[in-house]
Protein backbone atom coordinates (compact mmCIF):
# COMPACT_ATOMS: atom_id res chain seq x y z
CA MET A 1 1.35 14.70 -20.94
CA THR A 2 2.21 13.62 -17.46
CA LEU A 3 5.93 14.66 -17.84
CA LYS A 4 7.62 17.87 -17.31
CA GLY A 5 10.10 17.61 -19.79
CA ARG A 6 11.59 15.16 -22.36
CA ILE A 7 14.69 13.24 -20.94
CA PRO A 8 17.76 12.85 -23.43
CA HIS A 9 19.02 9.66 -24.37
CA VAL A 10 21.80 9.85 -21.75
CA LEU A 11 19.95 6.84 -19.79
CA ARG A 12 21.50 4.02 -22.13
CA GLY A 13 24.75 3.69 -20.47
CA HIS A 14 24.59 -0.42 -20.08
CA GLY A 15 23.31 -1.53 -23.17
CA PRO A 16 20.63 -0.72 -25.78
CA ASP A 17 17.55 0.84 -24.20
CA MET A 18 18.84 -0.25 -20.80
CA ALA A 19 18.86 1.90 -17.92
CA SER A 20 20.10 1.80 -14.17
CA ILE A 21 17.39 2.60 -11.97
CA ALA A 22 17.71 3.08 -8.35
CA MET A 23 14.39 2.87 -6.07
CA VAL A 24 14.23 3.79 -2.66
CA VAL A 25 11.60 2.96 0.09
CA THR A 26 11.25 3.48 3.80
CA ASN A 27 10.38 -0.02 4.74
CA ALA A 28 12.27 -3.24 4.59
CA CYS A 29 10.84 -4.23 1.17
CA SER A 30 10.33 -7.87 3.04
CA PRO A 31 7.98 -7.72 0.73
CA ASP A 32 6.60 -4.85 -0.63
CA PRO A 33 4.36 -5.82 -3.37
CA ARG A 34 4.04 -2.66 -5.50
CA VAL A 35 7.69 -1.86 -5.13
CA LEU A 36 8.84 -5.49 -6.26
CA ARG A 37 6.45 -5.75 -8.86
CA HIS A 38 7.18 -2.82 -10.46
CA ALA A 39 11.26 -3.39 -10.20
CA ALA A 40 10.41 -7.08 -11.69
CA TRP A 41 8.73 -5.17 -14.61
CA LEU A 42 11.43 -2.99 -15.19
CA ALA A 43 14.11 -5.84 -14.75
CA HIS A 44 12.17 -8.04 -17.35
CA GLU A 45 12.54 -5.22 -19.72
CA GLY A 46 16.34 -5.47 -19.11
CA HIS A 47 16.92 -2.53 -17.00
CA ASP A 48 19.29 -2.74 -13.85
CA ILE A 49 17.27 -2.22 -10.85
CA THR A 50 18.42 -1.79 -7.49
CA VAL A 51 15.92 -1.05 -4.33
CA HIS A 52 17.48 0.74 -1.48
CA ALA A 53 15.11 -0.40 1.71
CA TYR A 54 15.22 0.75 5.12
CA ASP A 55 15.12 -2.21 7.67
CA ARG A 56 14.06 -0.25 10.52
CA GLN A 57 13.96 -3.43 12.99
CA GLU A 58 17.28 -4.92 11.38
CA GLN A 59 15.28 -8.17 10.79
CA TYR A 60 16.29 -9.22 6.98
CA PRO A 61 19.52 -9.83 5.11
CA MET A 62 21.03 -6.92 3.84
CA SER A 63 21.66 -8.09 0.52
CA GLU A 64 19.04 -10.09 -1.43
CA SER A 65 17.65 -10.84 -5.11
CA HIS A 66 14.30 -11.19 -6.14
CA LYS A 67 13.33 -11.75 -9.65
CA GLY A 68 16.38 -10.02 -10.90
CA VAL A 69 16.05 -7.26 -8.83
CA ARG A 70 18.80 -6.48 -6.35
CA ILE A 71 17.64 -5.37 -2.59
CA MET A 72 19.97 -3.42 -0.59
CA ARG A 73 18.83 -2.98 3.26
CA TYR A 74 20.12 -0.47 5.49
CA HIS A 75 20.60 -1.61 9.17
CA LEU A 76 21.14 1.95 10.94
CA GLY A 77 20.07 1.04 14.48
CA LYS A 78 16.10 0.02 15.39
CA SER A 79 13.63 2.64 14.58
CA PRO A 80 9.87 2.24 15.32
CA TYR A 81 7.04 2.77 12.86
CA GLY A 82 4.60 5.22 13.71
CA GLY A 83 6.44 7.01 16.03
CA MET A 84 7.34 10.63 16.03
CA LEU A 85 11.17 11.77 17.09
CA LYS A 86 12.83 8.48 16.75
CA THR A 87 11.06 7.51 13.67
CA ALA A 88 11.99 10.93 11.87
CA PHE A 89 15.51 10.67 12.85
CA GLY A 90 15.76 7.25 11.50
CA ILE A 91 14.11 8.12 8.23
CA ARG A 92 16.33 10.84 8.11
CA LYS A 93 19.76 9.14 8.38
CA PHE A 94 18.48 6.50 5.98
CA ASN A 95 17.99 9.38 3.50
CA GLN A 96 21.45 10.72 4.41
CA ASN A 97 22.97 7.64 3.89
CA VAL A 98 21.15 6.60 0.63
CA SER A 99 21.79 10.18 -0.97
CA ARG A 100 25.57 9.64 0.00
CA GLY A 101 25.77 6.32 -1.93
CA LEU A 102 23.92 7.45 -5.18
CA ALA A 103 25.91 10.61 -5.40
CA THR A 104 29.08 8.38 -5.38
CA ASN A 105 27.51 5.60 -7.82
CA ARG A 106 24.81 7.41 -9.60
CA PRO A 107 21.85 5.89 -11.16
CA GLN A 108 20.37 6.94 -14.57
CA VAL A 109 17.22 7.23 -12.80
CA ILE A 110 15.96 7.85 -9.26
CA TYR A 111 12.53 6.10 -8.40
CA CYS A 112 11.07 7.43 -5.03
CA HIS A 113 8.24 5.19 -3.50
CA ASP A 114 6.29 7.58 -1.40
CA ALA A 115 6.79 11.05 -0.01
CA ASP A 116 9.26 10.53 2.93
CA THR A 117 12.00 9.36 0.25
CA LEU A 118 11.31 12.72 -1.94
CA VAL A 119 14.12 14.55 -0.36
CA ILE A 120 16.88 12.24 -1.81
CA GLY A 121 15.45 12.32 -5.32
CA CYS A 122 15.06 15.98 -5.24
CA HIS A 123 18.54 16.32 -4.00
CA LEU A 124 20.02 14.08 -6.98
CA LYS A 125 17.78 15.87 -9.48
CA LYS A 126 18.77 19.53 -8.52
CA LYS A 127 22.62 18.60 -7.99
CA TYR A 128 23.17 16.04 -11.01
CA ASN A 129 20.20 16.35 -13.12
CA ILE A 130 19.07 12.96 -12.60
CA PRO A 131 15.39 12.03 -13.80
CA LEU A 132 13.07 11.47 -10.82
CA VAL A 133 10.05 9.26 -10.67
CA PHE A 134 7.80 9.80 -7.60
CA ASP A 135 5.38 6.83 -7.03
CA MET A 136 2.71 7.89 -4.45
CA HIS A 137 1.29 4.73 -2.87
CA ASP A 138 -0.61 6.75 -0.62
CA LEU A 139 -1.00 10.15 1.28
CA GLN A 140 2.15 9.52 3.41
CA HIS A 141 1.44 12.75 5.49
CA THR A 142 -1.49 11.13 6.82
CA TRP A 143 0.16 8.05 8.47
CA ILE A 144 1.51 10.11 11.25
CA ARG A 145 -2.29 10.49 12.47
CA MET A 146 -3.04 6.97 12.77
CA PRO A 147 -2.11 6.58 16.21
CA SER A 148 -3.97 9.62 17.61
CA SER A 149 -6.08 11.25 14.75
CA ASN A 150 -7.05 13.92 17.32
CA SER A 151 -3.81 15.03 18.31
CA LEU A 152 -2.95 18.55 17.82
CA ILE A 153 0.93 17.85 17.43
CA ARG A 154 0.14 15.46 14.81
CA LYS A 155 -2.02 17.50 12.78
CA ILE A 156 0.43 20.27 12.55
CA LEU A 157 3.17 17.43 11.81
CA SER A 158 0.90 16.30 8.89
CA TRP A 159 0.30 19.73 7.36
CA TRP A 160 3.96 20.52 7.43
CA MET A 161 4.52 17.16 5.66
CA GLU A 162 2.23 17.74 3.04
CA LYS A 163 3.43 21.07 2.37
CA GLN A 164 7.15 19.44 2.12
CA MET A 165 5.93 17.04 -0.44
CA LEU A 166 3.65 19.35 -2.57
CA ARG A 167 6.53 21.61 -2.69
CA ARG A 168 9.40 18.97 -3.79
CA LEU A 169 6.70 17.80 -6.46
CA LYS A 170 7.91 20.57 -8.91
CA HIS A 171 11.45 18.62 -9.63
CA VAL A 172 9.64 15.43 -10.62
CA ASP A 173 9.44 14.32 -13.89
CA LEU A 174 6.88 11.58 -13.64
CA ILE A 175 4.15 11.01 -11.02
CA LEU A 176 2.53 7.80 -10.42
CA THR A 177 -0.01 6.90 -8.08
CA THR A 178 -2.37 4.05 -6.83
CA SER A 179 -5.88 5.40 -7.25
CA GLY A 180 -8.16 7.72 -9.76
CA LYS A 181 -11.82 8.22 -10.56
CA ILE A 182 -13.05 5.24 -12.54
CA SER A 183 -15.07 7.35 -14.78
CA ASP A 184 -15.93 11.05 -15.49
CA GLU A 185 -19.34 10.24 -13.89
CA SER A 186 -17.77 8.83 -10.81
CA THR A 187 -18.51 10.83 -7.43
CA SER A 188 -15.44 9.44 -5.74
CA PRO A 189 -12.10 10.87 -6.21
CA GLY A 190 -8.51 9.17 -6.31
CA PHE A 191 -5.20 10.28 -5.38
CA ARG A 192 -4.80 11.36 -8.84
CA GLU A 193 -7.58 14.24 -8.45
CA TYR A 194 -5.72 15.17 -5.41
CA LEU A 195 -2.72 15.66 -7.39
CA GLN A 196 -4.62 17.72 -9.93
CA ALA A 197 -6.02 19.69 -7.24
CA HIS A 198 -2.47 20.86 -6.57
CA GLY A 199 -1.58 21.47 -10.01
CA GLN A 200 -0.02 18.07 -10.84
CA GLU A 201 -0.98 15.47 -13.42
CA ALA A 202 -0.17 11.76 -12.42
CA ARG A 203 -0.68 8.24 -14.19
CA VAL A 204 -2.50 5.61 -12.02
CA ILE A 205 -1.00 2.31 -11.63
CA GLU A 206 -3.38 0.14 -9.46
CA ASN A 207 -2.06 -2.69 -6.92
CA ARG A 208 -4.09 -5.79 -8.70
CA PRO A 209 -2.52 -9.09 -8.59
CA GLU A 210 -0.90 -11.21 -11.39
CA SER A 211 -3.54 -12.96 -13.65
CA ASP A 212 -1.73 -16.21 -12.46
CA GLU A 213 -2.59 -15.67 -8.87
CA LEU A 214 -6.37 -16.18 -9.79
CA VAL A 215 -7.81 -18.99 -8.01
CA GLN A 216 -11.44 -20.08 -6.76
CA LYS A 217 -12.60 -19.56 -3.02
CA SER A 218 -12.64 -22.90 -1.48
CA THR A 219 -15.36 -24.64 0.63
CA ARG A 220 -15.57 -25.38 4.32
CA ASP A 221 -17.59 -25.99 7.42
CA GLY A 222 -18.37 -22.57 9.20
CA TRP A 223 -17.34 -19.35 8.01
CA CYS A 224 -14.16 -16.81 8.69
CA VAL A 225 -13.84 -13.32 8.59
CA GLY A 226 -10.30 -12.35 7.76
CA TYR A 227 -8.23 -9.13 8.03
CA LEU A 228 -4.68 -9.43 6.40
CA GLY A 229 -2.49 -6.98 6.37
CA ARG A 230 -0.94 -4.02 8.25
CA VAL A 231 -2.46 -3.55 11.84
CA ARG A 232 -2.46 0.26 12.15
CA GLU A 233 -5.42 1.22 14.24
CA VAL A 234 -7.98 -0.41 16.76
CA GLU A 235 -10.86 1.34 15.82
CA SER A 236 -11.40 -0.79 12.80
CA PHE A 237 -11.22 -3.88 14.82
CA GLN A 238 -13.39 -2.47 17.50
CA LEU A 239 -16.32 -2.00 14.77
CA LEU A 240 -15.61 -5.53 13.51
CA LEU A 241 -16.07 -7.05 16.87
CA GLU A 242 -19.23 -5.13 17.72
CA ALA A 243 -20.58 -6.12 14.16
CA VAL A 244 -19.78 -9.99 14.96
CA LEU A 245 -21.26 -9.82 18.47
CA LEU A 246 -24.49 -8.64 16.88
CA MET A 247 -24.96 -12.06 15.28
CA GLU A 248 -26.51 -14.90 17.13
CA PRO A 249 -23.69 -17.17 18.70
CA LYS A 250 -24.40 -19.97 16.59
CA GLN A 251 -23.99 -17.69 13.54
CA ARG A 252 -20.71 -15.95 14.51
CA PRO A 253 -17.92 -16.30 12.39
CA ARG A 254 -14.12 -17.36 13.14
CA ILE A 255 -11.79 -14.16 13.15
CA ARG A 256 -8.66 -14.33 11.51
CA ILE A 257 -6.10 -11.78 11.58
CA ALA A 258 -2.72 -12.09 9.87
CA GLY A 259 -0.05 -9.21 9.79
CA ASP A 260 1.98 -6.74 11.80
CA GLY A 261 1.75 -3.07 12.75
CA VAL A 262 2.02 -0.31 15.23
CA ALA A 263 -1.52 -1.43 16.64
CA PHE A 264 -0.74 -5.43 16.57
CA ASP A 265 -0.49 -5.58 20.17
CA SER A 266 -3.47 -3.52 21.11
CA VAL A 267 -5.80 -5.44 18.60
CA SER A 268 -4.34 -8.63 19.82
CA GLN A 269 -5.60 -8.11 23.36
CA LEU A 270 -8.72 -6.86 22.23
CA LEU A 271 -9.53 -9.70 20.34
CA ASN A 272 -8.13 -12.09 22.65
CA THR A 273 -10.24 -10.85 25.61
CA ALA A 274 -13.23 -11.23 23.41
CA LYS A 275 -12.36 -14.27 22.57
CA ILE A 276 -12.41 -15.55 26.24
CA ASN A 277 -15.53 -13.08 27.31
CA HIS A 278 -17.72 -14.23 24.40
CA ASP A 279 -16.59 -17.63 23.50
CA LEU A 280 -15.36 -16.32 20.17
CA GLN A 281 -12.94 -18.09 17.75
CA VAL A 282 -10.03 -16.02 17.13
CA GLU A 283 -6.68 -16.77 15.55
CA ILE A 284 -4.06 -13.63 15.37
CA THR A 285 -1.02 -14.34 13.64
CA GLY A 286 1.97 -11.92 12.80
CA SER A 287 3.55 -10.77 9.55
CA PHE A 288 3.52 -13.18 6.42
CA ASP A 289 5.21 -13.02 3.25
CA THR A 290 3.77 -12.77 -0.61
CA GLU A 291 4.18 -16.77 -0.86
CA GLU A 292 1.98 -17.28 2.38
CA PHE A 293 -1.10 -15.32 1.42
CA PRO A 294 -2.57 -17.93 -0.71
CA LYS A 295 -2.58 -20.58 2.05
CA ILE A 296 -3.67 -18.02 4.52
CA ILE A 297 -6.85 -16.47 2.19
CA GLN A 298 -8.16 -20.29 2.20
CA GLU A 299 -9.19 -19.96 5.24
CA VAL A 300 -11.02 -16.77 4.99
CA ASP A 301 -14.84 -16.66 3.38
CA VAL A 302 -15.06 -12.58 3.59
CA MET A 303 -12.09 -10.13 3.50
CA TYR A 304 -12.70 -7.18 6.11
CA ALA A 305 -11.05 -3.81 5.16
CA MET A 306 -12.55 -1.17 6.51
CA TYR A 307 -10.68 1.94 8.08
CA SER A 308 -11.42 5.41 10.35
CA PRO A 309 -11.94 7.83 7.71
CA SER A 310 -10.83 10.48 10.20
CA ARG A 311 -7.10 10.52 8.87
CA GLY A 312 -7.93 11.75 5.53
CA ASN A 313 -6.70 9.42 2.91
CA ILE A 314 -9.61 7.02 3.17
CA LEU A 315 -12.04 9.62 2.00
CA GLN A 316 -9.26 10.83 -0.70
CA GLY A 317 -9.02 7.58 -2.69
CA ALA A 318 -6.92 4.99 -0.61
CA ILE A 319 -7.64 1.33 -2.32
CA PRO A 320 -6.95 -1.46 0.31
CA VAL A 321 -4.80 -3.88 -1.66
CA LYS A 322 -6.23 -6.68 0.05
CA MET A 323 -9.53 -6.26 -1.68
CA PHE A 324 -8.14 -7.02 -4.84
CA ASP A 325 -5.87 -9.54 -3.82
CA ALA A 326 -8.86 -11.31 -1.79
CA ALA A 327 -11.12 -11.23 -5.33
CA ALA A 328 -8.30 -12.95 -6.88
CA HIS A 329 -8.81 -15.89 -4.88
CA GLY A 330 -12.73 -15.72 -5.10
CA VAL A 331 -13.16 -14.04 -1.64
CA PRO A 332 -15.69 -10.83 -1.22
CA SER A 333 -14.72 -7.84 0.99
CA VAL A 334 -16.66 -5.54 3.03
CA VAL A 335 -14.78 -1.82 2.81
CA ASN A 336 -15.96 1.61 3.46
CA SER A 337 -18.91 3.27 1.64
CA GLY A 338 -18.61 6.87 0.29
CA CYS A 339 -15.18 6.75 -0.94
CA LEU A 340 -13.36 5.05 -4.07
CA MET A 341 -12.74 1.97 -2.38
CA GLY A 342 -16.31 1.43 -1.85
CA GLU A 343 -17.57 2.48 -5.49
CA ILE A 344 -15.00 0.06 -7.17
CA ALA A 345 -16.14 -2.85 -5.05
CA GLU A 346 -19.57 -2.42 -5.94
CA HIS A 347 -18.62 -1.28 -9.55
CA GLU A 348 -16.50 -4.54 -10.08
CA GLU A 349 -18.96 -6.81 -7.70
CA ILE A 350 -16.08 -7.74 -5.75
CA GLY A 351 -17.63 -6.60 -2.63
CA GLN A 352 -20.01 -4.42 -0.42
CA SER A 353 -19.59 -0.92 1.13
CA VAL A 354 -20.62 -0.07 4.62
CA GLU A 355 -21.02 3.12 6.45
CA TRP A 356 -18.28 3.72 8.99
CA MET A 357 -19.27 2.98 12.54
CA ASN A 358 -22.62 1.32 11.26
CA SER A 359 -22.06 -1.94 13.30
CA ALA A 360 -25.71 -3.36 12.12
CA GLN A 361 -25.06 -3.01 8.52
CA LEU A 362 -21.53 -4.35 8.82
CA SER A 363 -23.03 -7.42 10.64
CA GLU A 364 -25.53 -8.08 7.78
CA ASN A 365 -23.13 -7.54 5.01
CA LEU A 366 -20.37 -9.98 6.45
CA PHE A 367 -23.19 -12.63 7.14
CA ASN A 368 -24.85 -11.95 3.50
CA LEU A 369 -21.42 -12.45 2.04
CA ARG A 370 -20.47 -15.74 3.97
CA GLU A 371 -21.33 -17.86 0.78
CA VAL A 372 -20.66 -15.58 -2.03
CA LYS A 373 -17.74 -16.08 -4.62
CA VAL A 374 -16.45 -13.26 -6.76
CA GLN A 375 -14.15 -13.02 -9.54
CA LEU A 376 -11.70 -10.46 -10.54
CA ASN A 377 -11.79 -9.53 -14.06
CA THR A 378 -9.02 -6.74 -14.28
CA THR A 379 -5.33 -7.96 -13.15
CA SER A 380 -2.04 -6.52 -13.06
CA GLU A 381 -1.50 -7.18 -16.82
CA ARG A 382 -3.32 -3.81 -17.68
CA GLU A 383 -1.19 -2.05 -15.17
CA ARG A 384 2.06 -3.49 -16.30
CA LYS A 385 1.19 -2.08 -19.79
CA ARG A 386 0.32 1.30 -18.32
CA PHE A 387 3.71 1.26 -15.97
CA LEU A 388 5.80 0.52 -18.95
CA GLU A 389 4.21 2.96 -21.22
CA ALA A 390 4.81 5.83 -18.57
CA LEU A 391 8.39 4.60 -17.78
CA ASN A 392 9.31 4.12 -21.01
CA THR A 393 8.28 7.81 -22.13
CA LEU A 394 10.91 8.81 -19.43
CA ILE A 395 13.60 6.48 -20.24
CA LYS A 396 13.87 5.88 -23.97
């Protein structure tokens, strides 16, 4: 059993089987597909859901409604993503504000997305005995290493953050995460296995798209390799560029990048320079919302989703959401080999895996997949059932 104790029926304060649930996330939720998908599932079941989101750049409305879910965004002064002191102080200020607010207007369940919000949930759990859900999207302590994976200071901070997270897990009633081994015979662990190694049980809820999002890949002249999502590191795009330049000039694809992140400016400079020096077709745009994804993905023939394994979470079970989202539109992906994402891609026949830094293999796989159409057979409906089963055990 994944729960650390049965929660009594005090959660039924607003009506039969209805609970007030406060979700907390340290991004602007603009959108965060996993946060809003889970919140909407709960709202559809009749629960009262509020997402407390930290709008670090103060770019979005402070209050918004989405599919019956209220989003409250906190504007507390601008704070960067991927920084150290400024980022840490900003998150601390957000956590303090949310903690004070929820202590005054107490929810019946506190739902923390990723480890940087756990301090809020643990405070409310210890002081008011409010049931606590922890949704571990990723190994959050590895993120601080992305800008400089060899930095000793960042390695020490990452170690300290991991210890803090593991210490706080003893207060959590239910742990959810995004990945787990696909079978007992699988050699690639997921985040569930990481938690098990530290004495914790978790339910796996993968980030799969809705069934009504399934469409077929379109046909066009030429071909295109795309990366749609957070741009957090330069190394992945250096590898992509090397692979593309290994192709004969007439065989080279158009490169389409859409997203934002701490490495966006550096990646833009890298690819725009290559565009001039090597006469490549390159288009780079910034952040996009969920509604824009289906339009952008129609430009793409192969999704590129490879990441440096040096920061840890790749080999421990990270699965790129873009791999599932691309497959829902018939588009195959190229992902890292020797880890869970590669095993899933090839097991479900939605992509191919490539050894990190093997530009020749990457070049060949990208070219071979350019006319391939794939089909995603497992969607979020399976995940919704798993999710509600886990939450209902806690809420009812």
